[in-house]
PDB file of N, CA and C in Angstrom:
ATOM      1  N   MET A   1      10.336   0.518  -4.707  1.00  0.00           N
ATOM      2  CA  MET A   1      11.581   0.552  -5.189  1.00  0.00           C
ATOM      3  C   MET A   1      12.528  -0.861  -4.850  1.00  0.00           C
ATOM      4  N   CYS A   2      12.988  -1.473  -5.704  1.00  0.00           N
ATOM      5  CA  CYS A   2      13.620  -2.963  -5.175  1.00  0.00           C
ATOM      6  C   CYS A   2      15.015  -2.838  -5.763  1.00  0.00           C
ATOM      7  N   ASP A   3      16.111  -3.351  -4.680  1.00  0.00           N
ATOM      8  CA  ASP A   3      17.587  -3.577  -5.704  1.00  0.00           C
ATOM      9  C   ASP A   3      17.352  -5.078  -6.596  1.00  0.00           C
ATOM     10  N   THR A   4      17.927  -4.288  -7.829  1.00  0.00           N
ATOM     11  CA  THR A   4      18.129  -5.132  -8.522  1.00  0.00           C
ATOM     12  C   THR A   4      19.585  -5.569  -9.162  1.00  0.00           C
ATOM     13  N   GLY A   5      20.205  -4.920  -8.059  1.00  0.00           N
ATOM     14  CA  GLY A   5      21.774  -5.046  -8.595  1.00  0.00           C
ATOM     15  C   GLY A   5      22.448  -4.129  -9.452  1.00  0.00           C
ATOM     16  N   GLN A   6      21.852  -3.478  -9.698  1.00  0.00           N
ATOM     17  CA  GLN A   6      21.874  -2.478 -10.893  1.00  0.00           C
ATOM     18  C   GLN A   6      21.707  -0.962 -10.436  1.00  0.00           C
ATOM     19  N   LYS A   7      23.004  -0.087 -10.330  1.00  0.00           N
ATOM     20  CA  LYS A   7      22.518   1.265  -9.820  1.00  0.00           C
ATOM     21  C   LYS A   7      21.587   2.007 -10.447  1.00  0.00           C
ATOM     22  N   GLY A   8      20.830   2.808  -9.916  1.00  0.00           N
ATOM     23  CA  GLY A   8      19.689   3.716  -9.975  1.00  0.00           C
ATOM     24  C   GLY A   8      18.206   2.727 -10.841  1.00  0.00           C
ATOM     25  N   SER A   9      18.333   1.359 -11.035  1.00  0.00           N
ATOM     26  CA  SER A   9      17.386   0.889 -11.539  1.00  0.00           C
ATOM     27  C   SER A   9      16.288   0.699 -10.549  1.00  0.00           C
ATOM     28  N   LYS A  10      15.215   0.401 -10.860  1.00  0.00           N
ATOM     29  CA  LYS A  10      14.042  -0.102 -10.062  1.00  0.00           C
ATOM     30  C   LYS A  10      13.429  -0.896 -10.956  1.00  0.00           C
ATOM     31  N   MET A  11      12.677  -1.802  -9.970  1.00  0.00           N
ATOM     32  CA  MET A  11      11.560  -2.905 -10.338  1.00  0.00           C
ATOM     33  C   MET A  11      10.266  -2.659  -9.826  1.00  0.00           C
ATOM     34  N   SER A  12       9.102  -2.706 -10.903  1.00  0.00           N
ATOM     35  CA  SER A  12       7.692  -2.437 -10.619  1.00  0.00           C
ATOM     36  C   SER A  12       7.113  -3.782 -10.955  1.00  0.00           C
ATOM     37  N   ILE A  13       5.990  -3.952 -10.020  1.00  0.00           N
ATOM     38  CA  ILE A  13       5.188  -5.178 -10.772  1.00  0.00           C
ATOM     39  C   ILE A  13       4.289  -4.524 -11.601  1.00  0.00           C
ATOM     40  N   LYS A  14       4.087  -5.544 -12.346  1.00  0.00           N
ATOM     41  CA  LYS A  14       3.045  -5.340 -13.430  1.00  0.00           C
ATOM     42  C   LYS A  14       1.763  -4.897 -13.317  1.00  0.00           C
ATOM     43  N   LYS A  15       0.709  -4.221 -13.686  1.00  0.00           N
ATOM     44  CA  LYS A  15      -0.589  -3.764 -12.815  1.00  0.00           C
ATOM     45  C   LYS A  15      -1.089  -4.916 -12.588  1.00  0.00           C
ATOM     46  N   ASN A  16      -1.783  -5.811 -13.308  1.00  0.00           N
ATOM     47  CA  ASN A  16      -2.656  -7.180 -12.953  1.00  0.00           C
ATOM     48  C   ASN A  16      -1.749  -8.193 -12.616  1.00  0.00           C
ATOM     49  N   GLU A  17      -0.624  -8.144 -11.972  1.00  0.00           N
ATOM     50  CA  GLU A  17      -0.108  -9.495 -11.490  1.00  0.00           C
ATOM     51  C   GLU A  17      -0.841  -9.874 -10.002  1.00  0.00           C
ATOM     52  N   PRO A  18      -0.839 -11.042 -10.201  1.00  0.00           N
ATOM     53  CA  PRO A  18      -1.636 -11.542  -9.120  1.00  0.00           C
ATOM     54  C   PRO A  18      -0.714 -11.799  -7.904  1.00  0.00           C
ATOM     55  N   PHE A  19      -1.075 -11.495  -6.702  1.00  0.00           N
ATOM     56  CA  PHE A  19      -0.337 -11.825  -5.304  1.00  0.00           C
ATOM     57  C   PHE A  19      -1.185 -12.140  -4.051  1.00  0.00           C
ATOM     58  N   THR A  20      -0.557 -12.642  -3.468  1.00  0.00           N
ATOM     59  CA  THR A  20      -1.656 -12.840  -1.927  1.00  0.00           C
ATOM     60  C   THR A  20      -0.950 -12.230  -0.561  1.00  0.00           C
ATOM     61  N   LEU A  21      -1.925 -11.509  -0.261  1.00  0.00           N
ATOM     62  CA  LEU A  21      -1.963 -11.403   1.379  1.00  0.00           C
ATOM     63  C   LEU A  21      -2.753 -11.680   2.445  1.00  0.00           C
ATOM     64  N   THR A  22      -2.246 -12.647   3.235  1.00  0.00           N
ATOM     65  CA  THR A  22      -3.061 -13.526   3.989  1.00  0.00           C
ATOM     66  C   THR A  22      -2.956 -12.695   5.789  1.00  0.00           C
ATOM     67  N   LEU A  23      -4.437 -12.430   5.751  1.00  0.00           N
ATOM     68  CA  LEU A  23      -4.144 -12.279   7.558  1.00  0.00           C
ATOM     69  C   LEU A  23      -4.281 -13.538   8.435  1.00  0.00           C
ATOM     70  N   HIS A  24      -2.835 -13.703   9.351  1.00  0.00           N
ATOM     71  CA  HIS A  24      -2.519 -14.780   9.324  1.00  0.00           C
ATOM     72  C   HIS A  24      -3.042 -14.623  11.052  1.00  0.00           C
ATOM     73  N   ASP A  25      -2.494 -13.788  11.901  1.00  0.00           N
ATOM     74  CA  ASP A  25      -2.822 -13.500  13.451  1.00  0.00           C
ATOM     75  C   ASP A  25      -3.682 -12.174  13.964  1.00  0.00           C
ATOM     76  N   ILE A  26      -4.187 -12.248  14.465  1.00  0.00           N
ATOM     77  CA  ILE A  26      -4.787 -10.775  15.483  1.00  0.00           C
ATOM     78  C   ILE A  26      -4.940 -10.863  16.874  1.00  0.00           C
ATOM     79  N   THR A  27      -3.672 -10.102  17.445  1.00  0.00           N
ATOM     80  CA  THR A  27      -3.338 -10.205  18.833  1.00  0.00           C
ATOM     81  C   THR A  27      -4.365  -8.688  19.499  1.00  0.00           C
ATOM     82  N   GLU A  28      -5.126  -8.977  20.232  1.00  0.00           N
ATOM     83  CA  GLU A  28      -5.450  -7.894  20.885  1.00  0.00           C
ATOM     84  C   GLU A  28      -4.739  -7.643  22.242  1.00  0.00           C
ATOM     85  N   ASN A  29      -4.138  -6.246  22.452  1.00  0.00           N
ATOM     86  CA  ASN A  29      -3.489  -5.481  23.538  1.00  0.00           C
ATOM     87  C   ASN A  29      -4.170  -5.184  24.680  1.00  0.00           C
ATOM     88  N   GLU A  30      -3.270  -4.886  25.855  1.00  0.00           N
ATOM     89  CA  GLU A  30      -4.166  -4.509  26.923  1.00  0.00           C
ATOM     90  C   GLU A  30      -4.616  -3.329  26.776  1.00  0.00           C
ATOM     91  N   ASP A  31      -4.091  -2.470  25.901  1.00  0.00           N
ATOM     92  CA  ASP A  31      -3.908  -1.108  26.063  1.00  0.00           C
ATOM     93  C   ASP A  31      -5.244  -0.863  24.661  1.00  0.00           C
ATOM     94  N   GLY A  32      -5.843  -1.921  24.224  1.00  0.00           N
ATOM     95  CA  GLY A  32      -7.117  -1.988  23.354  1.00  0.00           C
ATOM     96  C   GLY A  32      -6.779  -1.774  21.935  1.00  0.00           C
ATOM     97  N   SER A  33      -5.251  -1.828  21.339  1.00  0.00           N
ATOM     98  CA  SER A  33      -5.151  -1.901  20.341  1.00  0.00           C
ATOM     99  C   SER A  33      -4.839  -2.819  19.717  1.00  0.00           C
ATOM    100  N   ALA A  34      -4.376  -3.411  18.559  1.00  0.00           N
ATOM    101  CA  ALA A  34      -4.352  -4.664  18.189  1.00  0.00           C
ATOM    102  C   ALA A  34      -2.899  -5.006  17.249  1.00  0.00           C
ATOM    103  N   THR A  35      -2.635  -5.914  17.305  1.00  0.00           N
ATOM    104  CA  THR A  35      -1.144  -6.363  16.679  1.00  0.00           C
ATOM    105  C   THR A  35      -1.643  -6.908  15.559  1.00  0.00           C
ATOM    106  N   TYR A  36      -1.476  -6.853  14.132  1.00  0.00           N
ATOM    107  CA  TYR A  36      -2.133  -7.857  13.144  1.00  0.00           C
ATOM    108  C   TYR A  36      -1.002  -8.459  12.406  1.00  0.00           C
ATOM    109  N   SER A  37      -0.916  -9.432  11.884  1.00  0.00           N
ATOM    110  CA  SER A  37      -0.002 -10.131  10.953  1.00  0.00           C
ATOM    111  C   SER A  37      -0.151 -10.933   9.985  1.00  0.00           C
ATOM    112  N   PHE A  38       0.615 -10.867   9.172  1.00  0.00           N
ATOM    113  CA  PHE A  38       0.251 -11.041   7.686  1.00  0.00           C
ATOM    114  C   PHE A  38       1.134 -12.149   6.779  1.00  0.00           C
ATOM    115  N   ASP A  39       0.812 -12.701   6.232  1.00  0.00           N
ATOM    116  CA  ASP A  39       1.658 -13.665   4.745  1.00  0.00           C
ATOM    117  C   ASP A  39       1.473 -12.937   4.064  1.00  0.00           C
ATOM    118  N   LEU A  40       2.713 -12.764   3.223  1.00  0.00           N
ATOM    119  CA  LEU A  40       2.492 -12.035   2.183  1.00  0.00           C
ATOM    120  C   LEU A  40       3.629 -13.191   0.838  1.00  0.00           C
ATOM    121  N   ASP A  41       3.018 -13.233  -0.096  1.00  0.00           N
ATOM    122  CA  ASP A  41       4.079 -13.718  -0.912  1.00  0.00           C
ATOM    123  C   ASP A  41       4.850 -12.719  -1.600  1.00  0.00           C
ATOM    124  N   HIS A  42       5.734 -13.444  -2.403  1.00  0.00           N
ATOM    125  CA  HIS A  42       6.982 -12.485  -2.909  1.00  0.00           C
ATOM    126  C   HIS A  42       6.161 -11.393  -4.101  1.00  0.00           C
ATOM    127  N   GLY A  43       5.389 -11.619  -4.705  1.00  0.00           N
ATOM    128  CA  GLY A  43       4.844  -9.999  -5.322  1.00  0.00           C
ATOM    129  C   GLY A  43       3.633  -9.124  -4.147  1.00  0.00           C
ATOM    130  N   ALA A  44       3.247  -9.654  -3.360  1.00  0.00           N
ATOM    131  CA  ALA A  44       2.607  -8.556  -2.433  1.00  0.00           C
ATOM    132  C   ALA A  44       3.706  -8.337  -1.411  1.00  0.00           C
ATOM    133  N   HIS A  45       4.934  -8.691  -1.246  1.00  0.00           N
ATOM    134  CA  HIS A  45       6.096  -8.106  -0.373  1.00  0.00           C
ATOM    135  C   HIS A  45       6.377  -6.782  -1.323  1.00  0.00           C
ATOM    136  N   LYS A  46       6.915  -7.272  -2.431  1.00  0.00           N
ATOM    137  CA  LYS A  46       7.193  -6.179  -3.260  1.00  0.00           C
ATOM    138  C   LYS A  46       6.191  -5.047  -3.416  1.00  0.00           C
ATOM    139  N   LEU A  47       5.204  -5.047  -3.889  1.00  0.00           N
ATOM    140  CA  LEU A  47       4.122  -4.390  -3.936  1.00  0.00           C
ATOM    141  C   LEU A  47       4.169  -3.289  -2.517  1.00  0.00           C
ATOM    142  N   VAL A  48       3.447  -3.765  -1.608  1.00  0.00           N
ATOM    143  CA  VAL A  48       3.438  -3.075  -0.381  1.00  0.00           C
ATOM    144  C   VAL A  48       4.807  -2.709  -0.027  1.00  0.00           C
ATOM    145  N   GLY A  49       5.879  -2.649  -0.262  1.00  0.00           N
ATOM    146  CA  GLY A  49       7.024  -1.960   0.130  1.00  0.00           C
ATOM    147  C   GLY A  49       7.162  -0.952  -0.878  1.00  0.00           C
ATOM    148  N   GLU A  50       7.061  -1.081  -1.846  1.00  0.00           N
ATOM    149  CA  GLU A  50       7.171  -0.210  -2.771  1.00  0.00           C
ATOM    150  C   GLU A  50       6.087   1.038  -2.989  1.00  0.00           C
ATOM    151  N   ILE A  51       4.901   0.418  -2.951  1.00  0.00           N
ATOM    152  CA  ILE A  51       3.814   1.705  -2.655  1.00  0.00           C
ATOM    153  C   ILE A  51       3.780   2.065  -1.508  1.00  0.00           C
ATOM    154  N   GLY A  52       4.396   1.826  -0.765  1.00  0.00           N
ATOM    155  CA  GLY A  52       3.837   2.166   0.942  1.00  0.00           C
ATOM    156  C   GLY A  52       5.037   3.250   1.036  1.00  0.00           C
ATOM    157  N   LEU A  53       6.314   2.972   0.432  1.00  0.00           N
ATOM    158  CA  LEU A  53       7.475   3.544   0.715  1.00  0.00           C
ATOM    159  C   LEU A  53       6.891   5.440  -0.212  1.00  0.00           C
ATOM    160  N   GLN A  54       6.590   5.037  -1.320  1.00  0.00           N
ATOM    161  CA  GLN A  54       6.375   6.069  -2.473  1.00  0.00           C
ATOM    162  C   GLN A  54       5.231   7.038  -1.860  1.00  0.00           C
ATOM    163  N   PHE A  55       4.030   6.327  -0.945  1.00  0.00           N
ATOM    164  CA  PHE A  55       3.180   7.181  -0.477  1.00  0.00           C
ATOM    165  C   PHE A  55       3.825   7.818   0.665  1.00  0.00           C
ATOM    166  N   LEU A  56       4.738   7.141   1.541  1.00  0.00           N
ATOM    167  CA  LEU A  56       5.227   8.293   2.535  1.00  0.00           C
ATOM    168  C   LEU A  56       6.152   9.180   2.055  1.00  0.00           C
ATOM    169  N   LEU A  57       6.823   9.013   0.679  1.00  0.00           N
ATOM    170  CA  LEU A  57       7.640  10.097   0.413  1.00  0.00           C
ATOM    171  C   LEU A  57       6.916  11.224  -0.027  1.00  0.00           C
ATOM    172  N   TYR A  58       5.573  10.923  -0.859  1.00  0.00           N
ATOM    173  CA  TYR A  58       4.910  11.801  -1.338  1.00  0.00           C
ATOM    174  C   TYR A  58       4.076  12.762  -0.356  1.00  0.00           C
ATOM    175  N   CYS A  59       3.936  12.220   0.636  1.00  0.00           N
ATOM    176  CA  CYS A  59       3.142  12.690   2.117  1.00  0.00           C
ATOM    177  C   CYS A  59       4.345  13.870   2.654  1.00  0.00           C
ATOM    178  N   ALA A  60       5.481  13.471   2.052  1.00  0.00           N
ATOM    179  CA  ALA A  60       6.340  14.128   3.152  1.00  0.00           C
ATOM    180  C   ALA A  60       7.010  15.438   2.009  1.00  0.00           C
ATOM    181  N   VAL A  61       7.281  15.110   0.839  1.00  0.00           N
ATOM    182  CA  VAL A  61       7.215  16.241   0.171  1.00  0.00           C
ATOM    183  C   VAL A  61       6.013  17.367  -0.255  1.00  0.00           C
ATOM    184  N   LEU A  62       4.591  16.827  -0.217  1.00  0.00           N
ATOM    185  CA  LEU A  62       3.639  17.400  -0.156  1.00  0.00           C
ATOM    186  C   LEU A  62       3.747  17.966   1.061  1.00  0.00           C
ATOM    187  N   GLN A  63       3.855  17.665   2.170  1.00  0.00           N
ATOM    188  CA  GLN A  63       3.855  17.642   3.572  1.00  0.00           C
ATOM    189  C   GLN A  63       2.348  17.844   4.100  1.00  0.00           C
ATOM    190  N   VAL A  64       2.041  16.843   3.991  1.00  0.00           N
ATOM    191  CA  VAL A  64       0.637  16.254   3.954  1.00  0.00           C
ATOM    192  C   VAL A  64       0.548  15.078   5.530  1.00  0.00           C
ATOM    193  N   SER A  65      -0.101  14.734   6.082  1.00  0.00           N
ATOM    194  CA  SER A  65      -0.180  13.550   7.061  1.00  0.00           C
ATOM    195  C   SER A  65      -0.535  12.990   6.267  1.00  0.00           C
ATOM    196  N   THR A  66      -0.444  11.243   6.625  1.00  0.00           N
ATOM    197  CA  THR A  66      -0.857  10.157   6.025  1.00  0.00           C
ATOM    198  C   THR A  66      -2.754  10.066   6.285  1.00  0.00           C
ATOM    199  N   ASP A  67      -2.811  10.386   7.394  1.00  0.00           N
ATOM    200  CA  ASP A  67      -4.361  10.628   7.859  1.00  0.00           C
ATOM    201  C   ASP A  67      -4.734  11.604   6.536  1.00  0.00           C
ATOM    202  N   GLU A  68      -4.599  12.663   6.541  1.00  0.00           N
ATOM    203  CA  GLU A  68      -5.111  13.750   5.733  1.00  0.00           C
ATOM    204  C   GLU A  68      -5.123  13.115   4.322  1.00  0.00           C
ATOM    205  N   ALA A  69      -3.656  12.385   3.782  1.00  0.00           N
ATOM    206  CA  ALA A  69      -3.643  11.741   2.582  1.00  0.00           C
ATOM    207  C   ALA A  69      -4.851  10.527   2.403  1.00  0.00           C
ATOM    208  N   PHE A  70      -5.085  10.015   2.990  1.00  0.00           N
ATOM    209  CA  PHE A  70      -6.022   9.000   3.239  1.00  0.00           C
ATOM    210  C   PHE A  70      -7.473   9.415   2.949  1.00  0.00           C
ATOM    211  N   ASP A  71      -7.862  10.515   3.972  1.00  0.00           N
ATOM    212  CA  ASP A  71      -8.852  11.022   3.681  1.00  0.00           C
ATOM    213  C   ASP A  71      -9.131  12.018   2.191  1.00  0.00           C
ATOM    214  N   ILE A  72      -8.120  12.575   1.354  1.00  0.00           N
ATOM    215  CA  ILE A  72      -8.308  13.124   0.659  1.00  0.00           C
ATOM    216  C   ILE A  72      -8.339  11.932  -0.809  1.00  0.00           C
ATOM    217  N   LEU A  73      -7.648  10.920  -0.522  1.00  0.00           N
ATOM    218  CA  LEU A  73      -8.033   9.850  -1.196  1.00  0.00           C
ATOM    219  C   LEU A  73      -9.282   9.075  -1.202  1.00  0.00           C
ATOM    220  N   LEU A  74     -10.022   9.156   0.008  1.00  0.00           N
ATOM    221  CA  LEU A  74     -11.351   8.163   0.274  1.00  0.00           C
ATOM    222  C   LEU A  74     -12.448   9.313  -0.579  1.00  0.00           C
ATOM    223  N   LYS A  75     -12.206  10.466  -0.332  1.00  0.00           N
ATOM    224  CA  LYS A  75     -13.089  11.732  -0.898  1.00  0.00           C
ATOM    225  C   LYS A  75     -13.074  11.822  -2.081  1.00  0.00           C
ATOM    226  N   SER A  76     -12.307  11.577  -2.911  1.00  0.00           N
ATOM    227  CA  SER A  76     -11.887  11.728  -3.981  1.00  0.00           C
ATOM    228  C   SER A  76     -12.434  10.486  -5.067  1.00  0.00           C
ATOM    229  N   LYS A  77     -12.403   9.544  -4.496  1.00  0.00           N
ATOM    230  CA  LYS A  77     -13.265   8.619  -5.330  1.00  0.00           C
ATOM    231  C   LYS A  77     -14.326   8.694  -6.211  1.00  0.00           C
ATOM    232  N   PRO A  78     -14.099   8.165  -7.824  1.00  0.00           N
ATOM    233  CA  PRO A  78     -14.667   8.629  -8.666  1.00  0.00           C
ATOM    234  C   PRO A  78     -16.176   8.182  -8.398  1.00  0.00           C
ATOM    235  N   GLU A  79     -17.512   8.584  -8.895  1.00  0.00           N
ATOM    236  CA  GLU A  79     -18.474   8.164  -8.574  1.00  0.00           C
ATOM    237  C   GLU A  79     -18.930   6.676  -9.484  1.00  0.00           C
ATOM    238  N   GLU A  80     -19.668   6.152  -9.261  1.00  0.00           N
ATOM    239  CA  GLU A  80     -19.867   4.719 -10.191  1.00  0.00           C
ATOM    240  C   GLU A  80     -20.421   4.823 -11.749  1.00  0.00           C
ATOM    241  N   GLU A  81     -19.915   4.347 -12.552  1.00  0.00           N
ATOM    242  CA  GLU A  81     -20.289   4.836 -13.619  1.00  0.00           C
ATOM    243  C   GLU A  81     -21.648   4.345 -14.485  1.00  0.00           C
ATOM    244  N   THR A  82     -22.169   4.661 -14.954  1.00  0.00           N
ATOM    245  CA  THR A  82     -23.809   3.865 -15.317  1.00  0.00           C
ATOM    246  C   THR A  82     -23.832   3.238 -16.330  1.00  0.00           C
ATOM    247  N   GLU A  83     -24.890   2.289 -16.378  1.00  0.00           N
ATOM    248  CA  GLU A  83     -24.392   1.450 -17.723  1.00  0.00           C
ATOM    249  C   GLU A  83     -24.702   1.740 -18.904  1.00  0.00           C
ATOM    250  N   ASN A  84     -25.225   3.093 -19.012  1.00  0.00           N
ATOM    251  CA  ASN A  84     -25.581   3.680 -20.141  1.00  0.00           C
ATOM    252  C   ASN A  84     -24.330   4.883 -20.636  1.00  0.00           C
ATOM    253  N   ASP A  85     -23.563   4.732 -20.098  1.00  0.00           N
ATOM    254  CA  ASP A  85     -22.365   5.547 -20.242  1.00  0.00           C
ATOM    255  C   ASP A  85     -21.576   5.120 -21.682  1.00  0.00           C
TER     256      ASP A  85
END
């Protein structure tokens, strides 16, 4: 949800609206983890914020961890349709 200056309103990105998300830098840390930096255009910034917050809220309401939710999503991917369908 983005602030549009109107109470109770929300702004969404159109489904097929293009956006740019570019991996800018990867820093490997001493503990074995890594830090990733991204450049996002305005559309990507809005989309990542809107979907990310919505995802976290759904997980909280359903009392499912984000790891569990990703596992569920990956397991529920529909099979590829055949050309004869």
